Amino acid sequence: MKLRFLVFLCAILFLASCGSKKRVVQKKNSGVVLAEPKPEDLPSVDEKEITRKLAKKNPALNSYTLAYIRKYASIAVREMHEYKIPASITLAQGILESGKGRSVLALKSNNHFGIKCHTQWTGERVYHDDDEKGECFRKYQYPETSYHDHSLFLTQRKRYAFLFEYHIRDYKKWAYGLRKAGYATDTRYPAKLLKIIRDYKLHEFDKVKKKDFIYEAPNRDGEETTSLTASYYEVKKGDTLYAVSRKFNISVNALKKLNNLKDNTIVIGQKLVLQ
C-alpha cells in the first residue's frame, strides 16, 4: 500500500513539474535602441492662427485635434517638401492613427501612424493587440522620427508608388489611394481622413511653399557649426543617415544616391559625399 502511495505521489509531482514548464513564457524581442536625431525647431506654418480661427468659427471642434495640429503641422510640411506626401494626408493619418496623439501606442512608443515592425525593423518594439493579438509595433524616441519613418514607409514600398503620380494637393486621391494600396483594412478609412482634412482645413498646409519654409540646422551642445557647403562628411559615433541629412539640409534619398547606398546603414569613419 505504501509503495503504491509513493508511486502515485511521484507521478503527481512529475506531472506538476511538466505543467509548470509549459506555462513559462519567453520574453519577446524588444529590439535595439537606435540613435535618433534630436528634434529641431521648425518655422511656423501659421498653425496657431489657422487653429485659432477654426476654434472661433466652430467651438465644437475637438480641442485635442487642434492641439495636435499646432504641435505637428510644421513637421508634416517638412516631410511634404522632402518626400512629396501632402501635409494634409500626413496630419490626418497622424490624428486618426494616434487618436489625436492620445493612444497608448503614441504616448508610450511615439508611434503616430500604427506602423508595425515588419521583417526589416531592428529598432525598439512594443506589442499590442490589433488585427491579431500581440502584434509587433515600432517604438521611437521622438514623434518626429515616427513622422520621418512614415515618409520612408510610403516612399520605399512599391505598392504605394502610384500615389506619387497624384498632384501634391489632390488629397482626395491620396486618401482613397492609401486604402487601395492596403495601408488600412477599414473600408471607411478614406472617408475618415477626408472628414478630418475638411473639418480642420488641413489642405491649407499643402499650400506652404518650400521657399517660405527655410530653417538652419541648430548648433547643439557647443558643437561647431556645420558648413552646408562641405563636399563630404566623416561619420561619427551616434550618427544616422537621417541625422546627417538634417545636418546638411539634404534628403536621405539624395545622400543614398550620391554615395551608392542600398540602404540606410552607415559606419563610423565612413566618408559621405554631400554634393
C-alpha atoms as a PDB file:
ATOM      1  CA  MET A   1       0.000   0.000   0.000  1.00  0.00           C
ATOM      2  CA  LYS A   2       2.766   2.415   0.967  1.00  0.00           C
ATOM      3  CA  LEU A   3       4.637   1.591  -2.220  1.00  0.00           C
ATOM      4  CA  ARG A   4       1.570   2.377  -4.334  1.00  0.00           C
ATOM      5  CA  PHE A   5       1.080   5.657  -2.485  1.00  0.00           C
ATOM      6  CA  LEU A   6       4.686   6.700  -3.099  1.00  0.00           C
ATOM      7  CA  VAL A   7       4.427   5.845  -6.797  1.00  0.00           C
ATOM      8  CA  PHE A   8       1.188   7.833  -7.034  1.00  0.00           C
ATOM      9  CA  LEU A   9       2.763  10.844  -5.266  1.00  0.00           C
ATOM     10  CA  CYS A  10       5.815  10.798  -7.569  1.00  0.00           C
ATOM     11  CA  ALA A  11       3.561  10.693 -10.613  1.00  0.00           C
ATOM     12  CA  ILE A  12       1.649  13.760  -9.409  1.00  0.00           C
ATOM     13  CA  LEU A  13       4.871  15.684  -8.763  1.00  0.00           C
ATOM     14  CA  PHE A  14       6.207  14.766 -12.208  1.00  0.00           C
ATOM     15  CA  LEU A  15       3.038  15.951 -13.984  1.00  0.00           C
ATOM     16  CA  ALA A  16       3.004  19.173 -11.971  1.00  0.00           C
ATOM     17  CA  SER A  17       6.591  19.807 -12.946  1.00  0.00           C
ATOM     18  CA  CYS A  18       5.811  19.295 -16.629  1.00  0.00           C
ATOM     19  CA  GLY A  19       2.811  21.582 -16.409  1.00  0.00           C
ATOM     20  CA  SER A  20       4.805  24.393 -14.841  1.00  0.00           C
ATOM     21  CA  LYS A  21       7.366  24.229 -17.645  1.00  0.00           C
ATOM     22  CA  LYS A  22       4.645  24.665 -20.282  1.00  0.00           C
ATOM     23  CA  ARG A  23       3.499  27.875 -18.631  1.00  0.00           C
ATOM     24  CA  VAL A  24       6.886  29.580 -18.991  1.00  0.00           C
ATOM     25  CA  VAL A  25       6.563  32.472 -21.491  1.00  0.00           C
ATOM     26  CA  GLN A  26       9.620  33.539 -23.425  1.00  0.00           C
ATOM     27  CA  LYS A  27      10.270  37.285 -23.364  1.00  0.00           C
ATOM     28  CA  LYS A  28       9.642  38.791 -26.787  1.00  0.00           C
ATOM     29  CA  ASN A  29      12.451  40.560 -28.630  1.00  0.00           C
ATOM     30  CA  SER A  30      12.418  44.220 -27.580  1.00  0.00           C
ATOM     31  CA  GLY A  31      14.836  45.327 -30.311  1.00  0.00           C
ATOM     32  CA  VAL A  32      17.824  47.662 -30.015  1.00  0.00           C
ATOM     33  CA  VAL A  33      17.909  51.363 -29.186  1.00  0.00           C
ATOM     34  CA  LEU A  34      18.618  53.269 -32.391  1.00  0.00           C
ATOM     35  CA  ALA A  35      20.303  56.686 -32.356  1.00  0.00           C
ATOM     36  CA  GLU A  36      17.702  59.275 -33.331  1.00  0.00           C
ATOM     37  CA  PRO A  37      18.464  62.935 -34.128  1.00  0.00           C
ATOM     38  CA  LYS A  38      17.105  65.434 -31.631  1.00  0.00           C
ATOM     39  CA  PRO A  39      14.051  67.350 -32.873  1.00  0.00           C
ATOM     40  CA  GLU A  40      14.754  70.699 -34.485  1.00  0.00           C
ATOM     41  CA  ASP A  41      12.863  73.966 -34.130  1.00  0.00           C
ATOM     42  CA  LEU A  42      10.947  74.412 -37.371  1.00  0.00           C
ATOM     43  CA  PRO A  43       9.445  77.566 -38.899  1.00  0.00           C
ATOM     44  CA  SER A  44       5.806  78.346 -38.270  1.00  0.00           C
ATOM     45  CA  VAL A  45       3.300  77.393 -40.957  1.00  0.00           C
ATOM     46  CA  ASP A  46       0.589  79.635 -39.490  1.00  0.00           C
ATOM     47  CA  GLU A  47      -0.674  76.667 -37.475  1.00  0.00           C
ATOM     48  CA  LYS A  48      -1.605  78.794 -34.456  1.00  0.00           C
ATOM     49  CA  GLU A  49      -3.577  81.330 -36.473  1.00  0.00           C
ATOM     50  CA  ILE A  50      -5.323  78.663 -38.541  1.00  0.00           C
ATOM     51  CA  THR A  51      -6.420  76.677 -35.484  1.00  0.00           C
ATOM     52  CA  ARG A  52      -7.434  79.863 -33.629  1.00  0.00           C
ATOM     53  CA  LYS A  53      -9.763  80.846 -36.462  1.00  0.00           C
ATOM     54  CA  LEU A  54     -11.141  77.327 -36.677  1.00  0.00           C
ATOM     55  CA  ALA A  55     -11.935  77.223 -32.959  1.00  0.00           C
ATOM     56  CA  LYS A  56     -13.565  80.643 -33.098  1.00  0.00           C
ATOM     57  CA  LYS A  57     -15.711  79.723 -36.086  1.00  0.00           C
ATOM     58  CA  ASN A  58     -16.665  76.297 -34.769  1.00  0.00           C
ATOM     59  CA  PRO A  59     -16.336  75.893 -30.974  1.00  0.00           C
ATOM     60  CA  ALA A  60     -17.487  72.266 -31.292  1.00  0.00           C
ATOM     61  CA  LEU A  61     -14.198  71.204 -32.899  1.00  0.00           C
ATOM     62  CA  ASN A  62     -12.119  68.816 -30.817  1.00  0.00           C
ATOM     63  CA  SER A  63      -9.556  70.644 -28.686  1.00  0.00           C
ATOM     64  CA  TYR A  64      -7.132  67.702 -28.719  1.00  0.00           C
ATOM     65  CA  THR A  65      -7.169  67.639 -32.524  1.00  0.00           C
ATOM     66  CA  LEU A  66      -6.483  71.382 -32.660  1.00  0.00           C
ATOM     67  CA  ALA A  67      -3.602  70.960 -30.218  1.00  0.00           C
ATOM     68  CA  TYR A  68      -2.234  68.108 -32.330  1.00  0.00           C
ATOM     69  CA  ILE A  69      -2.268  70.286 -35.444  1.00  0.00           C
ATOM     70  CA  ARG A  70      -0.427  73.103 -33.660  1.00  0.00           C
ATOM     71  CA  LYS A  71       2.221  70.669 -32.499  1.00  0.00           C
ATOM     72  CA  TYR A  72       2.863  68.650 -35.648  1.00  0.00           C
ATOM     73  CA  ALA A  73       1.839  70.765 -38.678  1.00  0.00           C
ATOM     74  CA  SER A  74       5.376  72.050 -39.324  1.00  0.00           C
ATOM     75  CA  ILE A  75       6.772  68.513 -39.256  1.00  0.00           C
ATOM     76  CA  ALA A  76       4.172  67.363 -41.791  1.00  0.00           C
ATOM     77  CA  VAL A  77       5.078  70.293 -44.074  1.00  0.00           C
ATOM     78  CA  ARG A  78       8.790  69.495 -43.856  1.00  0.00           C
ATOM     79  CA  GLU A  79       8.108  65.862 -44.796  1.00  0.00           C
ATOM     80  CA  MET A  80       5.909  67.063 -47.677  1.00  0.00           C
ATOM     81  CA  HIS A  81       8.721  69.151 -49.149  1.00  0.00           C
ATOM     82  CA  GLU A  82      11.216  66.305 -48.891  1.00  0.00           C
ATOM     83  CA  TYR A  83       9.067  63.304 -49.866  1.00  0.00           C
ATOM     84  CA  LYS A  84       6.136  64.789 -51.834  1.00  0.00           C
ATOM     85  CA  ILE A  85       3.447  63.463 -49.499  1.00  0.00           C
ATOM     86  CA  PRO A  86       0.642  66.009 -48.903  1.00  0.00           C
ATOM     87  CA  ALA A  87       0.965  67.524 -45.430  1.00  0.00           C
ATOM     88  CA  SER A  88      -2.823  67.248 -45.083  1.00  0.00           C
ATOM     89  CA  ILE A  89      -2.664  63.484 -45.580  1.00  0.00           C
ATOM     90  CA  THR A  90       0.224  63.035 -43.145  1.00  0.00           C
ATOM     91  CA  LEU A  91      -1.502  65.123 -40.472  1.00  0.00           C
ATOM     92  CA  ALA A  92      -4.876  63.430 -40.969  1.00  0.00           C
ATOM     93  CA  GLN A  93      -3.283  59.994 -40.710  1.00  0.00           C
ATOM     94  CA  GLY A  94      -1.391  61.054 -37.588  1.00  0.00           C
ATOM     95  CA  ILE A  95      -4.578  62.358 -35.978  1.00  0.00           C
ATOM     96  CA  LEU A  96      -6.577  59.255 -36.884  1.00  0.00           C
ATOM     97  CA  GLU A  97      -3.967  56.578 -36.192  1.00  0.00           C
ATOM     98  CA  SER A  98      -2.755  58.090 -32.905  1.00  0.00           C
ATOM     99  CA  GLY A  99      -6.157  59.023 -31.510  1.00  0.00           C
ATOM    100  CA  LYS A 100      -5.170  62.723 -31.620  1.00  0.00           C
ATOM    101  CA  GLY A 101      -1.843  61.809 -30.036  1.00  0.00           C
ATOM    102  CA  ARG A 102      -3.512  60.176 -27.036  1.00  0.00           C
ATOM    103  CA  SER A 103      -3.400  56.476 -27.916  1.00  0.00           C
ATOM    104  CA  VAL A 104      -1.265  54.106 -25.850  1.00  0.00           C
ATOM    105  CA  LEU A 105       0.940  53.467 -28.877  1.00  0.00           C
ATOM    106  CA  ALA A 106       1.544  57.197 -29.392  1.00  0.00           C
ATOM    107  CA  LEU A 107       2.019  58.097 -25.727  1.00  0.00           C
ATOM    108  CA  LYS A 108       4.329  55.232 -24.776  1.00  0.00           C
ATOM    109  CA  SER A 109       6.043  54.485 -28.089  1.00  0.00           C
ATOM    110  CA  ASN A 110       5.793  57.765 -30.080  1.00  0.00           C
ATOM    111  CA  ASN A 111       4.313  55.701 -32.922  1.00  0.00           C
ATOM    112  CA  HIS A 112       1.774  58.042 -34.535  1.00  0.00           C
ATOM    113  CA  PHE A 113       0.984  56.002 -37.647  1.00  0.00           C
ATOM    114  CA  GLY A 114       0.439  52.483 -36.369  1.00  0.00           C
ATOM    115  CA  ILE A 115       3.442  51.189 -38.306  1.00  0.00           C
ATOM    116  CA  LYS A 116       4.192  47.574 -37.451  1.00  0.00           C
ATOM    117  CA  CYS A 117       7.667  46.088 -37.140  1.00  0.00           C
ATOM    118  CA  HIS A 118       7.860  44.064 -40.366  1.00  0.00           C
ATOM    119  CA  THR A 119      10.939  41.957 -41.070  1.00  0.00           C
ATOM    120  CA  GLN A 120      13.425  44.784 -41.747  1.00  0.00           C
ATOM    121  CA  TRP A 121      12.848  46.665 -38.474  1.00  0.00           C
ATOM    122  CA  THR A 122      15.717  46.274 -35.961  1.00  0.00           C
ATOM    123  CA  GLY A 123      14.817  49.094 -33.578  1.00  0.00           C
ATOM    124  CA  GLU A 124      12.863  49.009 -30.326  1.00  0.00           C
ATOM    125  CA  ARG A 125       9.452  47.416 -30.423  1.00  0.00           C
ATOM    126  CA  VAL A 126       6.282  47.020 -28.385  1.00  0.00           C
ATOM    127  CA  TYR A 127       3.411  44.564 -28.615  1.00  0.00           C
ATOM    128  CA  HIS A 128      -0.268  45.491 -28.884  1.00  0.00           C
ATOM    129  CA  ASP A 129      -3.482  43.777 -29.921  1.00  0.00           C
ATOM    130  CA  ASP A 130      -4.587  44.967 -33.363  1.00  0.00           C
ATOM    131  CA  ASP A 131      -5.847  42.812 -36.251  1.00  0.00           C
ATOM    132  CA  GLU A 132      -4.286  39.951 -34.291  1.00  0.00           C
ATOM    133  CA  LYS A 133      -3.319  39.561 -30.650  1.00  0.00           C
ATOM    134  CA  GLY A 134       0.121  40.747 -29.521  1.00  0.00           C
ATOM    135  CA  GLU A 135       1.256  42.298 -32.813  1.00  0.00           C
ATOM    136  CA  CYS A 136       4.674  43.954 -33.038  1.00  0.00           C
ATOM    137  CA  PHE A 137       4.834  47.742 -33.477  1.00  0.00           C
ATOM    138  CA  ARG A 138       7.784  50.082 -33.907  1.00  0.00           C
ATOM    139  CA  LYS A 139       8.874  52.231 -30.990  1.00  0.00           C
ATOM    140  CA  TYR A 140      10.564  55.631 -31.384  1.00  0.00           C
ATOM    141  CA  GLN A 141      12.365  58.022 -29.084  1.00  0.00           C
ATOM    142  CA  TYR A 142      10.721  61.075 -30.676  1.00  0.00           C
ATOM    143  CA  PRO A 143       7.419  61.625 -32.528  1.00  0.00           C
ATOM    144  CA  GLU A 144       9.421  63.414 -35.240  1.00  0.00           C
ATOM    145  CA  THR A 145      11.157  60.123 -36.035  1.00  0.00           C
ATOM    146  CA  SER A 146       7.763  58.480 -36.399  1.00  0.00           C
ATOM    147  CA  TYR A 147       6.794  61.125 -38.975  1.00  0.00           C
ATOM    148  CA  HIS A 148      10.009  60.580 -40.901  1.00  0.00           C
ATOM    149  CA  ASP A 149       9.605  56.805 -40.788  1.00  0.00           C
ATOM    150  CA  HIS A 150       6.072  57.224 -42.138  1.00  0.00           C
ATOM    151  CA  SER A 151       7.530  59.054 -45.159  1.00  0.00           C
ATOM    152  CA  LEU A 152      10.088  56.300 -45.709  1.00  0.00           C
ATOM    153  CA  PHE A 153       7.386  53.661 -45.308  1.00  0.00           C
ATOM    154  CA  LEU A 154       5.392  55.155 -48.197  1.00  0.00           C
ATOM    155  CA  THR A 155       8.281  56.059 -50.491  1.00  0.00           C
ATOM    156  CA  GLN A 156      10.226  52.805 -50.189  1.00  0.00           C
ATOM    157  CA  ARG A 157       7.417  50.338 -50.923  1.00  0.00           C
ATOM    158  CA  LYS A 158       6.343  49.590 -54.496  1.00  0.00           C
ATOM    159  CA  ARG A 159       2.686  49.206 -53.605  1.00  0.00           C
ATOM    160  CA  TYR A 160       2.499  52.926 -52.756  1.00  0.00           C
ATOM    161  CA  ALA A 161       4.428  54.122 -55.834  1.00  0.00           C
ATOM    162  CA  PHE A 162       1.301  55.055 -57.807  1.00  0.00           C
ATOM    163  CA  LEU A 163       0.329  57.583 -55.134  1.00  0.00           C
ATOM    164  CA  PHE A 164       3.211  59.842 -56.148  1.00  0.00           C
ATOM    165  CA  GLU A 165       1.689  60.225 -59.609  1.00  0.00           C
ATOM    166  CA  TYR A 166      -1.106  62.250 -57.997  1.00  0.00           C
ATOM    167  CA  HIS A 167      -0.838  66.009 -57.597  1.00  0.00           C
ATOM    168  CA  ILE A 168       0.549  67.106 -54.241  1.00  0.00           C
ATOM    169  CA  ARG A 169      -2.732  68.927 -53.475  1.00  0.00           C
ATOM    170  CA  ASP A 170      -5.064  66.135 -54.563  1.00  0.00           C
ATOM    171  CA  TYR A 171      -5.598  64.836 -51.032  1.00  0.00           C
ATOM    172  CA  LYS A 172      -8.829  63.075 -52.067  1.00  0.00           C
ATOM    173  CA  LYS A 173      -6.984  60.721 -54.459  1.00  0.00           C
ATOM    174  CA  TRP A 174      -4.309  60.160 -51.820  1.00  0.00           C
ATOM    175  CA  ALA A 175      -6.911  59.211 -49.219  1.00  0.00           C
ATOM    176  CA  TYR A 176      -8.549  56.617 -51.469  1.00  0.00           C
ATOM    177  CA  GLY A 177      -5.157  55.517 -52.798  1.00  0.00           C
ATOM    178  CA  LEU A 178      -3.883  54.650 -49.323  1.00  0.00           C
ATOM    179  CA  ARG A 179      -6.853  52.344 -48.802  1.00  0.00           C
ATOM    180  CA  LYS A 180      -6.360  50.805 -52.262  1.00  0.00           C
ATOM    181  CA  ALA A 181      -2.659  50.158 -51.511  1.00  0.00           C
ATOM    182  CA  GLY A 182      -3.592  48.358 -48.310  1.00  0.00           C
ATOM    183  CA  TYR A 183      -2.450  50.850 -45.669  1.00  0.00           C
ATOM    184  CA  ALA A 184      -5.621  50.150 -43.680  1.00  0.00           C
ATOM    185  CA  THR A 185      -8.259  47.411 -43.685  1.00  0.00           C
ATOM    186  CA  ASP A 186     -11.081  49.752 -42.670  1.00  0.00           C
ATOM    187  CA  THR A 187     -13.290  50.383 -45.727  1.00  0.00           C
ATOM    188  CA  ARG A 188     -14.202  53.803 -44.298  1.00  0.00           C
ATOM    189  CA  TYR A 189     -10.560  54.844 -43.915  1.00  0.00           C
ATOM    190  CA  PRO A 190     -10.603  57.332 -46.842  1.00  0.00           C
ATOM    191  CA  ALA A 191     -13.844  58.933 -45.637  1.00  0.00           C
ATOM    192  CA  LYS A 192     -12.405  59.350 -42.126  1.00  0.00           C
ATOM    193  CA  LEU A 193      -9.265  61.018 -43.466  1.00  0.00           C
ATOM    194  CA  LEU A 194     -11.246  63.344 -45.727  1.00  0.00           C
ATOM    195  CA  LYS A 195     -13.545  64.420 -42.909  1.00  0.00           C
ATOM    196  CA  ILE A 196     -10.570  65.344 -40.716  1.00  0.00           C
ATOM    197  CA  ILE A 197      -8.895  67.243 -43.570  1.00  0.00           C
ATOM    198  CA  ARG A 198     -12.023  69.213 -44.416  1.00  0.00           C
ATOM    199  CA  ASP A 199     -13.226  69.870 -40.870  1.00  0.00           C
ATOM    200  CA  TYR A 200      -9.813  71.179 -39.787  1.00  0.00           C
ATOM    201  CA  LYS A 201      -8.749  72.786 -43.097  1.00  0.00           C
ATOM    202  CA  LEU A 202      -5.596  70.684 -43.247  1.00  0.00           C
ATOM    203  CA  HIS A 203      -5.372  71.296 -47.012  1.00  0.00           C
ATOM    204  CA  GLU A 204      -4.145  74.804 -46.142  1.00  0.00           C
ATOM    205  CA  PHE A 205      -0.804  73.278 -45.155  1.00  0.00           C
ATOM    206  CA  ASP A 206      -0.422  71.725 -48.623  1.00  0.00           C
ATOM    207  CA  LYS A 207      -0.082  75.286 -49.968  1.00  0.00           C
ATOM    208  CA  VAL A 208       3.055  76.130 -47.961  1.00  0.00           C
ATOM    209  CA  LYS A 209       5.863  76.645 -50.475  1.00  0.00           C
ATOM    210  CA  LYS A 210       9.366  75.405 -49.870  1.00  0.00           C
ATOM    211  CA  LYS A 211      10.880  78.869 -50.326  1.00  0.00           C
ATOM    212  CA  ASP A 212       8.742  80.095 -47.430  1.00  0.00           C
ATOM    213  CA  PHE A 213       9.845  77.239 -45.200  1.00  0.00           C
ATOM    214  CA  ILE A 214      13.539  77.877 -44.552  1.00  0.00           C
ATOM    215  CA  TYR A 215      15.403  76.970 -41.393  1.00  0.00           C
ATOM    216  CA  GLU A 216      19.004  76.449 -40.345  1.00  0.00           C
ATOM    217  CA  ALA A 217      20.275  73.365 -38.572  1.00  0.00           C
ATOM    218  CA  PRO A 218      20.808  74.396 -34.930  1.00  0.00           C
ATOM    219  CA  ASN A 219      24.197  74.397 -33.214  1.00  0.00           C
ATOM    220  CA  ARG A 220      23.814  71.861 -30.382  1.00  0.00           C
ATOM    221  CA  ASP A 221      25.853  71.128 -27.256  1.00  0.00           C
ATOM    222  CA  GLY A 222      28.653  73.516 -28.136  1.00  0.00           C
ATOM    223  CA  GLU A 223      29.383  71.785 -31.448  1.00  0.00           C
ATOM    224  CA  GLU A 224      30.985  73.814 -34.175  1.00  0.00           C
ATOM    225  CA  THR A 225      28.529  74.998 -36.786  1.00  0.00           C
ATOM    226  CA  THR A 226      28.490  72.573 -39.686  1.00  0.00           C
ATOM    227  CA  SER A 227      29.275  74.042 -43.078  1.00  0.00           C
ATOM    228  CA  LEU A 228      26.498  73.335 -45.559  1.00  0.00           C
ATOM    229  CA  THR A 229      28.956  73.729 -48.430  1.00  0.00           C
ATOM    230  CA  ALA A 230      31.281  70.902 -47.358  1.00  0.00           C
ATOM    231  CA  SER A 231      31.957  68.282 -50.044  1.00  0.00           C
ATOM    232  CA  TYR A 232      31.992  65.298 -47.690  1.00  0.00           C
ATOM    233  CA  TYR A 233      31.310  64.320 -44.084  1.00  0.00           C
ATOM    234  CA  GLU A 234      33.012  61.704 -41.915  1.00  0.00           C
ATOM    235  CA  VAL A 235      30.522  59.601 -39.944  1.00  0.00           C
ATOM    236  CA  LYS A 236      30.891  59.854 -36.149  1.00  0.00           C
ATOM    237  CA  LYS A 237      29.598  57.717 -33.299  1.00  0.00           C
ATOM    238  CA  GLY A 238      25.821  58.012 -32.935  1.00  0.00           C
ATOM    239  CA  ASP A 239      25.270  59.327 -36.481  1.00  0.00           C
ATOM    240  CA  THR A 240      22.440  58.049 -38.627  1.00  0.00           C
ATOM    241  CA  LEU A 241      21.820  58.786 -42.290  1.00  0.00           C
ATOM    242  CA  TYR A 242      18.740  60.729 -41.257  1.00  0.00           C
ATOM    243  CA  ALA A 243      20.735  62.859 -38.792  1.00  0.00           C
ATOM    244  CA  VAL A 244      23.404  63.620 -41.402  1.00  0.00           C
ATOM    245  CA  SER A 245      20.736  64.577 -43.926  1.00  0.00           C
ATOM    246  CA  ARG A 246      19.240  67.067 -41.466  1.00  0.00           C
ATOM    247  CA  LYS A 247      22.651  68.482 -40.547  1.00  0.00           C
ATOM    248  CA  PHE A 248      23.477  69.278 -44.166  1.00  0.00           C
ATOM    249  CA  ASN A 249      19.956  70.076 -45.363  1.00  0.00           C
ATOM    250  CA  ILE A 250      19.951  67.264 -47.937  1.00  0.00           C
ATOM    251  CA  SER A 251      17.430  64.474 -48.361  1.00  0.00           C
ATOM    252  CA  VAL A 252      18.153  60.899 -47.308  1.00  0.00           C
ATOM    253  CA  ASN A 253      17.429  59.699 -50.838  1.00  0.00           C
ATOM    254  CA  ALA A 254      19.916  62.204 -52.288  1.00  0.00           C
ATOM    255  CA  LEU A 255      22.587  61.044 -49.829  1.00  0.00           C
ATOM    256  CA  LYS A 256      21.996  57.415 -50.754  1.00  0.00           C
ATOM    257  CA  LYS A 257      22.209  58.212 -54.453  1.00  0.00           C
ATOM    258  CA  LEU A 258      25.408  60.261 -54.096  1.00  0.00           C
ATOM    259  CA  ASN A 259      27.067  57.502 -52.082  1.00  0.00           C
ATOM    260  CA  ASN A 260      25.639  54.465 -53.902  1.00  0.00           C
ATOM    261  CA  LEU A 261      23.997  53.216 -50.704  1.00  0.00           C
ATOM    262  CA  LYS A 262      21.458  50.406 -50.992  1.00  0.00           C
ATOM    263  CA  ASP A 263      20.052  51.042 -47.515  1.00  0.00           C
ATOM    264  CA  ASN A 264      20.401  53.472 -44.599  1.00  0.00           C
ATOM    265  CA  THR A 265      23.376  51.702 -42.991  1.00  0.00           C
ATOM    266  CA  ILE A 266      26.476  53.822 -42.301  1.00  0.00           C
ATOM    267  CA  VAL A 267      29.547  53.126 -40.160  1.00  0.00           C
ATOM    268  CA  ILE A 268      31.929  55.233 -38.046  1.00  0.00           C
ATOM    269  CA  GLY A 269      34.736  56.691 -40.157  1.00  0.00           C
ATOM    270  CA  GLN A 270      32.821  56.378 -43.408  1.00  0.00           C
ATOM    271  CA  LYS A 271      33.095  59.464 -45.634  1.00  0.00           C
ATOM    272  CA  LEU A 272      29.815  60.537 -47.163  1.00  0.00           C
ATOM    273  CA  VAL A 273      29.772  62.639 -50.328  1.00  0.00           C
ATOM    274  CA  LEU A 274      27.445  65.619 -49.866  1.00  0.00           C
ATOM    275  CA  GLN A 275      27.402  67.249 -53.291  1.00  0.00           C
END
